Amino acid sequence: MPWSNEDLVFQYFKLIENKDIDGILDLFDYDAVVTEPFSKSKELRGKASIEPFLKVAAMANSGLDRKIKIEKSANGKTDPDKLIALITFEKGDNTKARFTFGIANSDGARKIKSMRIEFV
């Protein structure tokens, strides 16, 4: 049974926690785009460009507790191609971020087409 958008997002964070880079990369479409505030380029295109970022993200998340809240739209309907997750990272202090996932069907499976990270 194919994953829902929420399943895909929860799996992403589980694999980050487990530092399973190959597993995480399998969640992304081949031409995915990651927009993040850490690197000079700010936008990473394709799995080869995304992989080094994921390695750093997995290390940075080591030992952090996280709370994941899926943001619902005001009208209660969900966009089949988009999901916003509000993440609270905790280790002593806490930091909050908004992850906006663009999701598409690729070869019969749900894949992350884009991911934008913003700290709030």
PDB file of N, CA and C in Angstrom:
ATOM      1  N   MET A   1       0.845  -1.183   0.000  1.00  0.00           N
ATOM      2  CA  MET A   1       0.000   0.000   0.000  1.00  0.00           C
ATOM      3  C   MET A   1       0.891   1.247   0.000  1.00  0.00           C
ATOM      4  N   PRO A   2       0.627   2.198  -0.894  1.00  0.00           N
ATOM      5  CA  PRO A   2       1.466   3.396  -0.951  1.00  0.00           C
ATOM      6  C   PRO A   2       1.352   4.233   0.315  1.00  0.00           C
ATOM      7  N   TRP A   3       2.433   4.921   0.609  1.00  0.00           N
ATOM      8  CA  TRP A   3       2.441   5.793   1.778  1.00  0.00           C
ATOM      9  C   TRP A   3       1.610   7.041   1.539  1.00  0.00           C
ATOM     10  N   SER A   4       1.041   7.548   2.618  1.00  0.00           N
ATOM     11  CA  SER A   4       0.396   8.853   2.574  1.00  0.00           C
ATOM     12  C   SER A   4       1.500   9.912   2.670  1.00  0.00           C
ATOM     13  N   ASN A   5       1.147  11.162   2.417  1.00  0.00           N
ATOM     14  CA  ASN A   5       2.123  12.255   2.573  1.00  0.00           C
ATOM     15  C   ASN A   5       2.662  12.288   3.997  1.00  0.00           C
ATOM     16  N   GLU A   6       1.771  12.115   4.979  1.00  0.00           N
ATOM     17  CA  GLU A   6       2.210  12.135   6.386  1.00  0.00           C
ATOM     18  C   GLU A   6       3.168  10.990   6.675  1.00  0.00           C
ATOM     19  N   ASP A   7       2.869   9.798   6.161  1.00  0.00           N
ATOM     20  CA  ASP A   7       3.762   8.657   6.360  1.00  0.00           C
ATOM     21  C   ASP A   7       5.150   8.959   5.802  1.00  0.00           C
ATOM     22  N   LEU A   8       5.187   9.566   4.632  1.00  0.00           N
ATOM     23  CA  LEU A   8       6.449   9.896   3.981  1.00  0.00           C
ATOM     24  C   LEU A   8       7.269  10.867   4.834  1.00  0.00           C
ATOM     25  N   VAL A   9       6.617  11.872   5.382  1.00  0.00           N
ATOM     26  CA  VAL A   9       7.299  12.867   6.212  1.00  0.00           C
ATOM     27  C   VAL A   9       7.790  12.238   7.520  1.00  0.00           C
ATOM     28  N   PHE A  10       6.958  11.446   8.169  1.00  0.00           N
ATOM     29  CA  PHE A  10       7.393  10.790   9.410  1.00  0.00           C
ATOM     30  C   PHE A  10       8.554   9.834   9.134  1.00  0.00           C
ATOM     31  N   GLN A  11       8.532   9.164   7.997  1.00  0.00           N
ATOM     32  CA  GLN A  11       9.628   8.269   7.631  1.00  0.00           C
ATOM     33  C   GLN A  11      10.919   9.060   7.415  1.00  0.00           C
ATOM     34  N   TYR A  12      10.820  10.234   6.794  1.00  0.00           N
ATOM     35  CA  TYR A  12      11.993  11.096   6.605  1.00  0.00           C
ATOM     36  C   TYR A  12      12.663  11.372   7.959  1.00  0.00           C
ATOM     37  N   PHE A  13      11.888  11.786   8.951  1.00  0.00           N
ATOM     38  CA  PHE A  13      12.480  12.127  10.252  1.00  0.00           C
ATOM     39  C   PHE A  13      12.977  10.892  10.995  1.00  0.00           C
ATOM     40  N   LYS A  14      12.325   9.765  10.811  1.00  0.00           N
ATOM     41  CA  LYS A  14      12.802   8.519  11.426  1.00  0.00           C
ATOM     42  C   LYS A  14      14.162   8.139  10.839  1.00  0.00           C
ATOM     43  N   LEU A  15      14.291   8.250   9.525  1.00  0.00           N
ATOM     44  CA  LEU A  15      15.558   7.902   8.871  1.00  0.00           C
ATOM     45  C   LEU A  15      16.662   8.899   9.214  1.00  0.00           C
ATOM     46  N   ILE A  16      16.312  10.175   9.377  1.00  0.00           N
ATOM     47  CA  ILE A  16      17.293  11.172   9.837  1.00  0.00           C
ATOM     48  C   ILE A  16      17.804  10.761  11.216  1.00  0.00           C
ATOM     49  N   GLU A  17      16.884  10.400  12.101  1.00  0.00           N
ATOM     50  CA  GLU A  17      17.261   9.985  13.458  1.00  0.00           C
ATOM     51  C   GLU A  17      18.175   8.762  13.421  1.00  0.00           C
ATOM     52  N   ASN A  18      17.904   7.836  12.497  1.00  0.00           N
ATOM     53  CA  ASN A  18      18.706   6.618  12.381  1.00  0.00           C
ATOM     54  C   ASN A  18      19.949   6.787  11.519  1.00  0.00           C
ATOM     55  N   LYS A  19      20.144   7.997  10.987  1.00  0.00           N
ATOM     56  CA  LYS A  19      21.295   8.312  10.130  1.00  0.00           C
ATOM     57  C   LYS A  19      21.370   7.382   8.918  1.00  0.00           C
ATOM     58  N   ASP A  20      20.211   7.009   8.374  1.00  0.00           N
ATOM     59  CA  ASP A  20      20.123   6.120   7.217  1.00  0.00           C
ATOM     60  C   ASP A  20      20.059   6.977   5.947  1.00  0.00           C
ATOM     61  N   ILE A  21      21.212   7.402   5.475  1.00  0.00           N
ATOM     62  CA  ILE A  21      21.283   8.325   4.341  1.00  0.00           C
ATOM     63  C   ILE A  21      20.726   7.681   3.076  1.00  0.00           C
ATOM     64  N   ASP A  22      21.071   6.431   2.819  1.00  0.00           N
ATOM     65  CA  ASP A  22      20.539   5.760   1.621  1.00  0.00           C
ATOM     66  C   ASP A  22      19.014   5.672   1.681  1.00  0.00           C
ATOM     67  N   GLY A  23      18.491   5.353   2.855  1.00  0.00           N
ATOM     68  CA  GLY A  23      17.043   5.285   3.024  1.00  0.00           C
ATOM     69  C   GLY A  23      16.380   6.635   2.799  1.00  0.00           C
ATOM     70  N   ILE A  24      17.013   7.685   3.301  1.00  0.00           N
ATOM     71  CA  ILE A  24      16.462   9.035   3.106  1.00  0.00           C
ATOM     72  C   ILE A  24      16.480   9.389   1.625  1.00  0.00           C
ATOM     73  N   LEU A  25      17.600   9.146   0.965  1.00  0.00           N
ATOM     74  CA  LEU A  25      17.702   9.475  -0.459  1.00  0.00           C
ATOM     75  C   LEU A  25      16.646   8.747  -1.277  1.00  0.00           C
ATOM     76  N   ASP A  26      16.288   7.532  -0.870  1.00  0.00           N
ATOM     77  CA  ASP A  26      15.246   6.780  -1.575  1.00  0.00           C
ATOM     78  C   ASP A  26      13.884   7.471  -1.487  1.00  0.00           C
ATOM     79  N   LEU A  27      13.697   8.326  -0.473  1.00  0.00           N
ATOM     80  CA  LEU A  27      12.427   9.044  -0.334  1.00  0.00           C
ATOM     81  C   LEU A  27      12.315  10.205  -1.321  1.00  0.00           C
ATOM     82  N   PHE A  28      13.452  10.663  -1.856  1.00  0.00           N
ATOM     83  CA  PHE A  28      13.483  11.820  -2.748  1.00  0.00           C
ATOM     84  C   PHE A  28      13.376  11.389  -4.208  1.00  0.00           C
ATOM     85  N   ASP A  29      12.691  12.210  -5.003  1.00  0.00           N
ATOM     86  CA  ASP A  29      12.645  12.026  -6.442  1.00  0.00           C
ATOM     87  C   ASP A  29      14.042  12.317  -6.999  1.00  0.00           C
ATOM     88  N   TYR A  30      14.367  11.778  -8.146  1.00  0.00           N
ATOM     89  CA  TYR A  30      15.714  11.915  -8.709  1.00  0.00           C
ATOM     90  C   TYR A  30      16.121  13.375  -8.928  1.00  0.00           C
ATOM     91  N   ASP A  31      15.154  14.251  -9.238  1.00  0.00           N
ATOM     92  CA  ASP A  31      15.472  15.656  -9.509  1.00  0.00           C
ATOM     93  C   ASP A  31      14.934  16.598  -8.424  1.00  0.00           C
ATOM     94  N   ALA A  32      14.849  16.084  -7.214  1.00  0.00           N
ATOM     95  CA  ALA A  32      14.306  16.865  -6.087  1.00  0.00           C
ATOM     96  C   ALA A  32      15.138  18.120  -5.832  1.00  0.00           C
ATOM     97  N   VAL A  33      14.486  19.096  -5.192  1.00  0.00           N
ATOM     98  CA  VAL A  33      15.129  20.355  -4.831  1.00  0.00           C
ATOM     99  C   VAL A  33      14.966  20.560  -3.326  1.00  0.00           C
ATOM    100  N   VAL A  34      16.065  20.848  -2.648  1.00  0.00           N
ATOM    101  CA  VAL A  34      16.033  21.170  -1.223  1.00  0.00           C
ATOM    102  C   VAL A  34      16.493  22.616  -1.069  1.00  0.00           C
ATOM    103  N   THR A  35      15.658  23.410  -0.410  1.00  0.00           N
ATOM    104  CA  THR A  35      16.001  24.791  -0.105  1.00  0.00           C
ATOM    105  C   THR A  35      16.216  24.870   1.398  1.00  0.00           C
ATOM    106  N   GLU A  36      17.433  25.265   1.781  1.00  0.00           N
ATOM    107  CA  GLU A  36      17.790  25.269   3.201  1.00  0.00           C
ATOM    108  C   GLU A  36      18.661  26.475   3.509  1.00  0.00           C
ATOM    109  N   PRO A  37      18.652  26.914   4.757  1.00  0.00           N
ATOM    110  CA  PRO A  37      19.335  28.157   5.116  1.00  0.00           C
ATOM    111  C   PRO A  37      20.817  28.019   5.477  1.00  0.00           C
ATOM    112  N   PHE A  38      21.394  26.840   5.341  1.00  0.00           N
ATOM    113  CA  PHE A  38      22.725  26.619   5.886  1.00  0.00           C
ATOM    114  C   PHE A  38      23.863  26.782   4.887  1.00  0.00           C
ATOM    115  N   SER A  39      23.684  26.325   3.669  1.00  0.00           N
ATOM    116  CA  SER A  39      24.788  26.349   2.713  1.00  0.00           C
ATOM    117  C   SER A  39      24.797  27.646   1.911  1.00  0.00           C
ATOM    118  N   LYS A  40      25.900  27.890   1.245  1.00  0.00           N
ATOM    119  CA  LYS A  40      26.031  29.105   0.444  1.00  0.00           C
ATOM    120  C   LYS A  40      25.048  29.128  -0.716  1.00  0.00           C
ATOM    121  N   SER A  41      24.814  27.969  -1.332  1.00  0.00           N
ATOM    122  CA  SER A  41      23.948  27.932  -2.514  1.00  0.00           C
ATOM    123  C   SER A  41      22.470  28.051  -2.162  1.00  0.00           C
ATOM    124  N   LYS A  42      22.085  27.694  -0.961  1.00  0.00           N
ATOM    125  CA  LYS A  42      20.707  27.754  -0.462  1.00  0.00           C
ATOM    126  C   LYS A  42      19.758  26.773  -1.157  1.00  0.00           C
ATOM    127  N   GLU A  43      20.058  26.388  -2.400  1.00  0.00           N
ATOM    128  CA  GLU A  43      19.183  25.471  -3.124  1.00  0.00           C
ATOM    129  C   GLU A  43      20.007  24.318  -3.679  1.00  0.00           C
ATOM    130  N   LEU A  44      19.621  23.123  -3.331  1.00  0.00           N
ATOM    131  CA  LEU A  44      20.319  21.916  -3.763  1.00  0.00           C
ATOM    132  C   LEU A  44      19.418  21.171  -4.734  1.00  0.00           C
ATOM    133  N   ARG A  45      19.945  20.812  -5.893  1.00  0.00           N
ATOM    134  CA  ARG A  45      19.156  20.139  -6.936  1.00  0.00           C
ATOM    135  C   ARG A  45      19.720  18.761  -7.218  1.00  0.00           C
ATOM    136  N   GLY A  46      18.853  17.755  -7.164  1.00  0.00           N
ATOM    137  CA  GLY A  46      19.242  16.386  -7.469  1.00  0.00           C
ATOM    138  C   GLY A  46      19.827  15.679  -6.264  1.00  0.00           C
ATOM    139  N   LYS A  47      19.717  14.356  -6.292  1.00  0.00           N
ATOM    140  CA  LYS A  47      20.153  13.554  -5.148  1.00  0.00           C
ATOM    141  C   LYS A  47      21.633  13.725  -4.824  1.00  0.00           C
ATOM    142  N   ALA A  48      22.480  13.870  -5.846  1.00  0.00           N
ATOM    143  CA  ALA A  48      23.925  14.008  -5.596  1.00  0.00           C
ATOM    144  C   ALA A  48      24.219  15.283  -4.814  1.00  0.00           C
ATOM    145  N   SER A  49      23.469  16.347  -5.061  1.00  0.00           N
ATOM    146  CA  SER A  49      23.668  17.608  -4.320  1.00  0.00           C
ATOM    147  C   SER A  49      23.031  17.562  -2.938  1.00  0.00           C
ATOM    148  N   ILE A  50      21.966  16.796  -2.810  1.00  0.00           N
ATOM    149  CA  ILE A  50      21.234  16.716  -1.545  1.00  0.00           C
ATOM    150  C   ILE A  50      21.952  15.827  -0.529  1.00  0.00           C
ATOM    151  N   GLU A  51      22.637  14.802  -0.996  1.00  0.00           N
ATOM    152  CA  GLU A  51      23.244  13.817  -0.099  1.00  0.00           C
ATOM    153  C   GLU A  51      24.179  14.431   0.953  1.00  0.00           C
ATOM    154  N   PRO A  52      25.133  15.311   0.598  1.00  0.00           N
ATOM    155  CA  PRO A  52      26.008  15.879   1.646  1.00  0.00           C
ATOM    156  C   PRO A  52      25.216  16.653   2.710  1.00  0.00           C
ATOM    157  N   PHE A  53      24.180  17.367   2.288  1.00  0.00           N
ATOM    158  CA  PHE A  53      23.337  18.083   3.251  1.00  0.00           C
ATOM    159  C   PHE A  53      22.672  17.097   4.217  1.00  0.00           C
ATOM    160  N   LEU A  54      22.163  15.985   3.694  1.00  0.00           N
ATOM    161  CA  LEU A  54      21.498  15.001   4.553  1.00  0.00           C
ATOM    162  C   LEU A  54      22.466  14.389   5.566  1.00  0.00           C
ATOM    163  N   LYS A  55      23.699  14.181   5.160  1.00  0.00           N
ATOM    164  CA  LYS A  55      24.699  13.645   6.090  1.00  0.00           C
ATOM    165  C   LYS A  55      24.920  14.603   7.249  1.00  0.00           C
ATOM    166  N   VAL A  56      25.039  15.891   6.942  1.00  0.00           N
ATOM    167  CA  VAL A  56      25.226  16.900   7.991  1.00  0.00           C
ATOM    168  C   VAL A  56      23.970  16.996   8.850  1.00  0.00           C
ATOM    169  N   ALA A  57      22.793  16.977   8.225  1.00  0.00           N
ATOM    170  CA  ALA A  57      21.534  17.059   8.973  1.00  0.00           C
ATOM    171  C   ALA A  57      21.384  15.880   9.929  1.00  0.00           C
ATOM    172  N   ALA A  58      21.753  14.690   9.483  1.00  0.00           N
ATOM    173  CA  ALA A  58      21.667  13.509  10.350  1.00  0.00           C
ATOM    174  C   ALA A  58      22.594  13.651  11.550  1.00  0.00           C
ATOM    175  N   MET A  59      23.800  14.141  11.331  1.00  0.00           N
ATOM    176  CA  MET A  59      24.733  14.344  12.450  1.00  0.00           C
ATOM    177  C   MET A  59      24.220  15.430  13.386  1.00  0.00           C
ATOM    178  N   ALA A  60      23.709  16.521  12.830  1.00  0.00           N
ATOM    179  CA  ALA A  60      23.221  17.639  13.646  1.00  0.00           C
ATOM    180  C   ALA A  60      22.004  17.252  14.475  1.00  0.00           C
ATOM    181  N   ASN A  61      21.224  16.288  14.002  1.00  0.00           N
ATOM    182  CA  ASN A  61      20.030  15.854  14.720  1.00  0.00           C
ATOM    183  C   ASN A  61      20.321  14.814  15.794  1.00  0.00           C
ATOM    184  N   SER A  62      21.556  14.357  15.864  1.00  0.00           N
ATOM    185  CA  SER A  62      21.929  13.345  16.835  1.00  0.00           C
ATOM    186  C   SER A  62      21.660  13.835  18.254  1.00  0.00           C
ATOM    187  N   GLY A  63      20.911  13.065  18.997  1.00  0.00           N
ATOM    188  CA  GLY A  63      20.637  13.402  20.387  1.00  0.00           C
ATOM    189  C   GLY A  63      19.527  14.417  20.594  1.00  0.00           C
ATOM    190  N   LEU A  64      18.916  14.884  19.519  1.00  0.00           N
ATOM    191  CA  LEU A  64      17.821  15.845  19.654  1.00  0.00           C
ATOM    192  C   LEU A  64      16.494  15.118  19.794  1.00  0.00           C
ATOM    193  N   ASP A  65      15.643  15.646  20.639  1.00  0.00           N
ATOM    194  CA  ASP A  65      14.259  15.197  20.657  1.00  0.00           C
ATOM    195  C   ASP A  65      13.513  16.086  19.685  1.00  0.00           C
ATOM    196  N   ARG A  66      12.500  15.556  19.058  1.00  0.00           N
ATOM    197  CA  ARG A  66      11.736  16.382  18.129  1.00  0.00           C
ATOM    198  C   ARG A  66      10.257  16.070  18.256  1.00  0.00           C
ATOM    199  N   LYS A  67       9.483  17.114  18.087  1.00  0.00           N
ATOM    200  CA  LYS A  67       8.033  16.985  18.028  1.00  0.00           C
ATOM    201  C   LYS A  67       7.617  17.413  16.634  1.00  0.00           C
ATOM    202  N   ILE A  68       6.816  16.592  15.995  1.00  0.00           N
ATOM    203  CA  ILE A  68       6.372  16.853  14.633  1.00  0.00           C
ATOM    204  C   ILE A  68       4.876  17.130  14.664  1.00  0.00           C
ATOM    205  N   LYS A  69       4.508  18.279  14.129  1.00  0.00           N
ATOM    206  CA  LYS A  69       3.100  18.640  14.036  1.00  0.00           C
ATOM    207  C   LYS A  69       2.795  18.939  12.573  1.00  0.00           C
ATOM    208  N   ILE A  70       1.856  18.202  12.015  1.00  0.00           N
ATOM    209  CA  ILE A  70       1.454  18.429  10.636  1.00  0.00           C
ATOM    210  C   ILE A  70       0.459  19.577  10.616  1.00  0.00           C
ATOM    211  N   GLU A  71       0.776  20.592   9.825  1.00  0.00           N
ATOM    212  CA  GLU A  71      -0.085  21.770   9.751  1.00  0.00           C
ATOM    213  C   GLU A  71      -1.273  21.474   8.842  1.00  0.00           C
ATOM    214  N   LYS A  72      -2.444  21.744   9.329  1.00  0.00           N
ATOM    215  CA  LYS A  72      -3.672  21.547   8.549  1.00  0.00           C
ATOM    216  C   LYS A  72      -4.081  22.872   7.933  1.00  0.00           C
ATOM    217  N   SER A  73      -4.663  22.809   6.753  1.00  0.00           N
ATOM    218  CA  SER A  73      -5.120  24.037   6.107  1.00  0.00           C
ATOM    219  C   SER A  73      -6.354  24.568   6.820  1.00  0.00           C
ATOM    220  N   ALA A  74      -6.635  25.826   6.623  1.00  0.00           N
ATOM    221  CA  ALA A  74      -7.761  26.481   7.304  1.00  0.00           C
ATOM    222  C   ALA A  74      -9.093  25.838   6.943  1.00  0.00           C
ATOM    223  N   ASN A  75      -9.216  25.338   5.707  1.00  0.00           N
ATOM    224  CA  ASN A  75     -10.486  24.741   5.295  1.00  0.00           C
ATOM    225  C   ASN A  75     -10.562  23.246   5.604  1.00  0.00           C
ATOM    226  N   GLY A  76      -9.512  22.709   6.198  1.00  0.00           N
ATOM    227  CA  GLY A  76      -9.507  21.309   6.598  1.00  0.00           C
ATOM    228  C   GLY A  76      -9.162  20.344   5.476  1.00  0.00           C
ATOM    229  N   LYS A  77      -9.006  20.848   4.258  1.00  0.00           N
ATOM    230  CA  LYS A  77      -8.657  19.989   3.132  1.00  0.00           C
ATOM    231  C   LYS A  77      -7.138  19.923   3.005  1.00  0.00           C
ATOM    232  N   THR A  78      -6.661  18.805   2.534  1.00  0.00           N
ATOM    233  CA  THR A  78      -5.221  18.659   2.364  1.00  0.00           C
ATOM    234  C   THR A  78      -4.878  18.750   0.884  1.00  0.00           C
ATOM    235  N   ASP A  79      -3.749  19.342   0.595  1.00  0.00           N
ATOM    236  CA  ASP A  79      -3.236  19.436  -0.762  1.00  0.00           C
ATOM    237  C   ASP A  79      -2.473  18.142  -1.028  1.00  0.00           C
ATOM    238  N   PRO A  80      -2.845  17.378  -2.051  1.00  0.00           N
ATOM    239  CA  PRO A  80      -2.172  16.098  -2.292  1.00  0.00           C
ATOM    240  C   PRO A  80      -0.709  16.241  -2.701  1.00  0.00           C
ATOM    241  N   ASP A  81      -0.288  17.450  -3.057  1.00  0.00           N
ATOM    242  CA  ASP A  81       1.079  17.664  -3.515  1.00  0.00           C
ATOM    243  C   ASP A  81       1.931  18.470  -2.541  1.00  0.00           C
ATOM    244  N   LYS A  82       1.405  18.736  -1.345  1.00  0.00           N
ATOM    245  CA  LYS A  82       2.136  19.585  -0.398  1.00  0.00           C
ATOM    246  C   LYS A  82       1.805  19.180   1.036  1.00  0.00           C
ATOM    247  N   LEU A  83       2.806  19.264   1.890  1.00  0.00           N
ATOM    248  CA  LEU A  83       2.592  19.009   3.312  1.00  0.00           C
ATOM    249  C   LEU A  83       3.546  19.902   4.089  1.00  0.00           C
ATOM    250  N   ILE A  84       3.017  20.557   5.110  1.00  0.00           N
ATOM    251  CA  ILE A  84       3.839  21.415   5.969  1.00  0.00           C
ATOM    252  C   ILE A  84       3.921  20.769   7.345  1.00  0.00           C
ATOM    253  N   ALA A  85       5.157  20.587   7.811  1.00  0.00           N
ATOM    254  CA  ALA A  85       5.395  20.014   9.131  1.00  0.00           C
ATOM    255  C   ALA A  85       6.106  21.059   9.980  1.00  0.00           C
ATOM    256  N   LEU A  86       5.563  21.313  11.150  1.00  0.00           N
ATOM    257  CA  LEU A  86       6.200  22.210  12.117  1.00  0.00           C
ATOM    258  C   LEU A  86       6.965  21.327  13.095  1.00  0.00           C
ATOM    259  N   ILE A  87       8.258  21.566  13.178  1.00  0.00           N
ATOM    260  CA  ILE A  87       9.133  20.707  13.973  1.00  0.00           C
ATOM    261  C   ILE A  87       9.712  21.518  15.123  1.00  0.00           C
ATOM    262  N   THR A  88       9.628  20.960  16.326  1.00  0.00           N
ATOM    263  CA  THR A  88      10.296  21.537  17.480  1.00  0.00           C
ATOM    264  C   THR A  88      11.442  20.604  17.841  1.00  0.00           C
ATOM    265  N   PHE A  89      12.661  21.117  17.719  1.00  0.00           N
ATOM    266  CA  PHE A  89      13.859  20.371  18.087  1.00  0.00           C
ATOM    267  C   PHE A  89      14.220  20.763  19.507  1.00  0.00           C
ATOM    268  N   GLU A  90      14.473  19.766  20.365  1.00  0.00           N
ATOM    269  CA  GLU A  90      14.767  20.047  21.775  1.00  0.00           C
ATOM    270  C   GLU A  90      16.021  19.325  22.230  1.00  0.00           C
ATOM    271  N   LYS A  91      16.872  20.079  22.883  1.00  0.00           N
ATOM    272  CA  LYS A  91      18.022  19.542  23.623  1.00  0.00           C
ATOM    273  C   LYS A  91      18.424  20.670  24.554  1.00  0.00           C
ATOM    274  N   GLY A  92      17.792  20.703  25.715  1.00  0.00           N
ATOM    275  CA  GLY A  92      17.941  21.857  26.600  1.00  0.00           C
ATOM    276  C   GLY A  92      17.001  22.943  26.110  1.00  0.00           C
ATOM    277  N   ASP A  93      17.488  23.806  25.229  1.00  0.00           N
ATOM    278  CA  ASP A  93      16.640  24.815  24.593  1.00  0.00           C
ATOM    279  C   ASP A  93      15.872  24.157  23.451  1.00  0.00           C
ATOM    280  N   ASN A  94      14.967  24.936  22.846  1.00  0.00           N
ATOM    281  CA  ASN A  94      14.302  24.379  21.679  1.00  0.00           C
ATOM    282  C   ASN A  94      14.354  25.356  20.509  1.00  0.00           C
ATOM    283  N   THR A  95      14.284  24.788  19.335  1.00  0.00           N
ATOM    284  CA  THR A  95      14.290  25.526  18.082  1.00  0.00           C
ATOM    285  C   THR A  95      13.135  25.004  17.253  1.00  0.00           C
ATOM    286  N   LYS A  96      12.461  25.916  16.546  1.00  0.00           N
ATOM    287  CA  LYS A  96      11.325  25.516  15.723  1.00  0.00           C
ATOM    288  C   LYS A  96      11.620  25.788  14.261  1.00  0.00           C
ATOM    289  N   ALA A  97      11.161  24.879  13.421  1.00  0.00           N
ATOM    290  CA  ALA A  97      11.359  25.020  11.984  1.00  0.00           C
ATOM    291  C   ALA A  97      10.097  24.579  11.245  1.00  0.00           C
ATOM    292  N   ARG A  98       9.914  25.167  10.086  1.00  0.00           N
ATOM    293  CA  ARG A  98       8.817  24.776   9.197  1.00  0.00           C
ATOM    294  C   ARG A  98       9.447  24.061   7.999  1.00  0.00           C
ATOM    295  N   PHE A  99       9.044  22.823   7.787  1.00  0.00           N
ATOM    296  CA  PHE A  99       9.477  22.042   6.638  1.00  0.00           C
ATOM    297  C   PHE A  99       8.288  21.960   5.688  1.00  0.00           C
ATOM    298  N   THR A 100       8.455  22.481   4.490  1.00  0.00           N
ATOM    299  CA  THR A 100       7.407  22.403   3.486  1.00  0.00           C
ATOM    300  C   THR A 100       7.847  21.380   2.445  1.00  0.00           C
ATOM    301  N   PHE A 101       7.083  20.312   2.337  1.00  0.00           N
ATOM    302  CA  PHE A 101       7.393  19.220   1.423  1.00  0.00           C
ATOM    303  C   PHE A 101       6.496  19.302   0.200  1.00  0.00           C
ATOM    304  N   GLY A 102       7.103  19.268  -0.967  1.00  0.00           N
ATOM    305  CA  GLY A 102       6.372  19.067  -2.209  1.00  0.00           C
ATOM    306  C   GLY A 102       6.458  17.582  -2.516  1.00  0.00           C
ATOM    307  N   ILE A 103       5.331  16.956  -2.782  1.00  0.00           N
ATOM    308  CA  ILE A 103       5.297  15.505  -2.935  1.00  0.00           C
ATOM    309  C   ILE A 103       4.661  15.159  -4.279  1.00  0.00           C
ATOM    310  N   ALA A 104       5.254  14.180  -4.953  1.00  0.00           N
ATOM    311  CA  ALA A 104       4.758  13.779  -6.267  1.00  0.00           C
ATOM    312  C   ALA A 104       4.784  12.262  -6.383  1.00  0.00           C
ATOM    313  N   ASN A 105       4.021  11.748  -7.314  1.00  0.00           N
ATOM    314  CA  ASN A 105       4.086  10.330  -7.645  1.00  0.00           C
ATOM    315  C   ASN A 105       5.210  10.124  -8.646  1.00  0.00           C
ATOM    316  N   SER A 106       6.073   9.174  -8.359  1.00  0.00           N
ATOM    317  CA  SER A 106       7.172   8.846  -9.253  1.00  0.00           C
ATOM    318  C   SER A 106       7.293   7.333  -9.312  1.00  0.00           C
ATOM    319  N   ASP A 107       7.110   6.776 -10.477  1.00  0.00           N
ATOM    320  CA  ASP A 107       7.158   5.318 -10.658  1.00  0.00           C
ATOM    321  C   ASP A 107       6.217   4.604  -9.696  1.00  0.00           C
ATOM    322  N   GLY A 108       5.027   5.176  -9.489  1.00  0.00           N
ATOM    323  CA  GLY A 108       4.011   4.536  -8.655  1.00  0.00           C
ATOM    324  C   GLY A 108       4.202   4.718  -7.160  1.00  0.00           C
ATOM    325  N   ALA A 109       5.176   5.512  -6.746  1.00  0.00           N
ATOM    326  CA  ALA A 109       5.424   5.720  -5.318  1.00  0.00           C
ATOM    327  C   ALA A 109       5.413   7.215  -5.013  1.00  0.00           C
ATOM    328  N   ARG A 110       5.052   7.558  -3.777  1.00  0.00           N
ATOM    329  CA  ARG A 110       5.114   8.949  -3.326  1.00  0.00           C
ATOM    330  C   ARG A 110       6.575   9.272  -3.056  1.00  0.00           C
ATOM    331  N   LYS A 111       7.049  10.392  -3.612  1.00  0.00           N
ATOM    332  CA  LYS A 111       8.434  10.820  -3.445  1.00  0.00           C
ATOM    333  C   LYS A 111       8.453  12.296  -3.077  1.00  0.00           C
ATOM    334  N   ILE A 112       9.496  12.695  -2.351  1.00  0.00           N
ATOM    335  CA  ILE A 112       9.692  14.099  -2.022  1.00  0.00           C
ATOM    336  C   ILE A 112      10.274  14.777  -3.265  1.00  0.00           C
ATOM    337  N   LYS A 113       9.537  15.714  -3.799  1.00  0.00           N
ATOM    338  CA  LYS A 113       9.952  16.470  -4.984  1.00  0.00           C
ATOM    339  C   LYS A 113      10.692  17.747  -4.565  1.00  0.00           C
ATOM    340  N   SER A 114      10.275  18.301  -3.424  1.00  0.00           N
ATOM    341  CA  SER A 114      10.945  19.492  -2.907  1.00  0.00           C
ATOM    342  C   SER A 114      10.803  19.525  -1.391  1.00  0.00           C
ATOM    343  N   MET A 115      11.772  20.178  -0.757  1.00  0.00           N
ATOM    344  CA  MET A 115      11.726  20.364   0.685  1.00  0.00           C
ATOM    345  C   MET A 115      12.330  21.737   0.985  1.00  0.00           C
ATOM    346  N   ARG A 116      11.566  22.574   1.667  1.00  0.00           N
ATOM    347  CA  ARG A 116      12.030  23.900   2.059  1.00  0.00           C
ATOM    348  C   ARG A 116      12.073  23.942   3.583  1.00  0.00           C
ATOM    349  N   ILE A 117      13.212  24.369   4.122  1.00  0.00           N
ATOM    350  CA  ILE A 117      13.388  24.461   5.567  1.00  0.00           C
ATOM    351  C   ILE A 117      13.500  25.937   5.947  1.00  0.00           C
ATOM    352  N   GLU A 118      12.667  26.363   6.896  1.00  0.00           N
ATOM    353  CA  GLU A 118      12.705  27.730   7.397  1.00  0.00           C
ATOM    354  C   GLU A 118      12.634  27.672   8.918  1.00  0.00           C
ATOM    355  N   PHE A 119      13.480  28.415   9.600  1.00  0.00           N
ATOM    356  CA  PHE A 119      13.405  28.479  11.046  1.00  0.00           C
ATOM    357  C   PHE A 119      12.432  29.595  11.415  1.00  0.00           C
ATOM    358  N   VAL A 120      11.574  29.311  12.395  1.00  0.00           N
ATOM    359  CA  VAL A 120      10.532  30.261  12.784  1.00  0.00           C
ATOM    360  C   VAL A 120      10.688  30.655  14.238  1.00  0.00           C
TER     361      VAL A 120
END
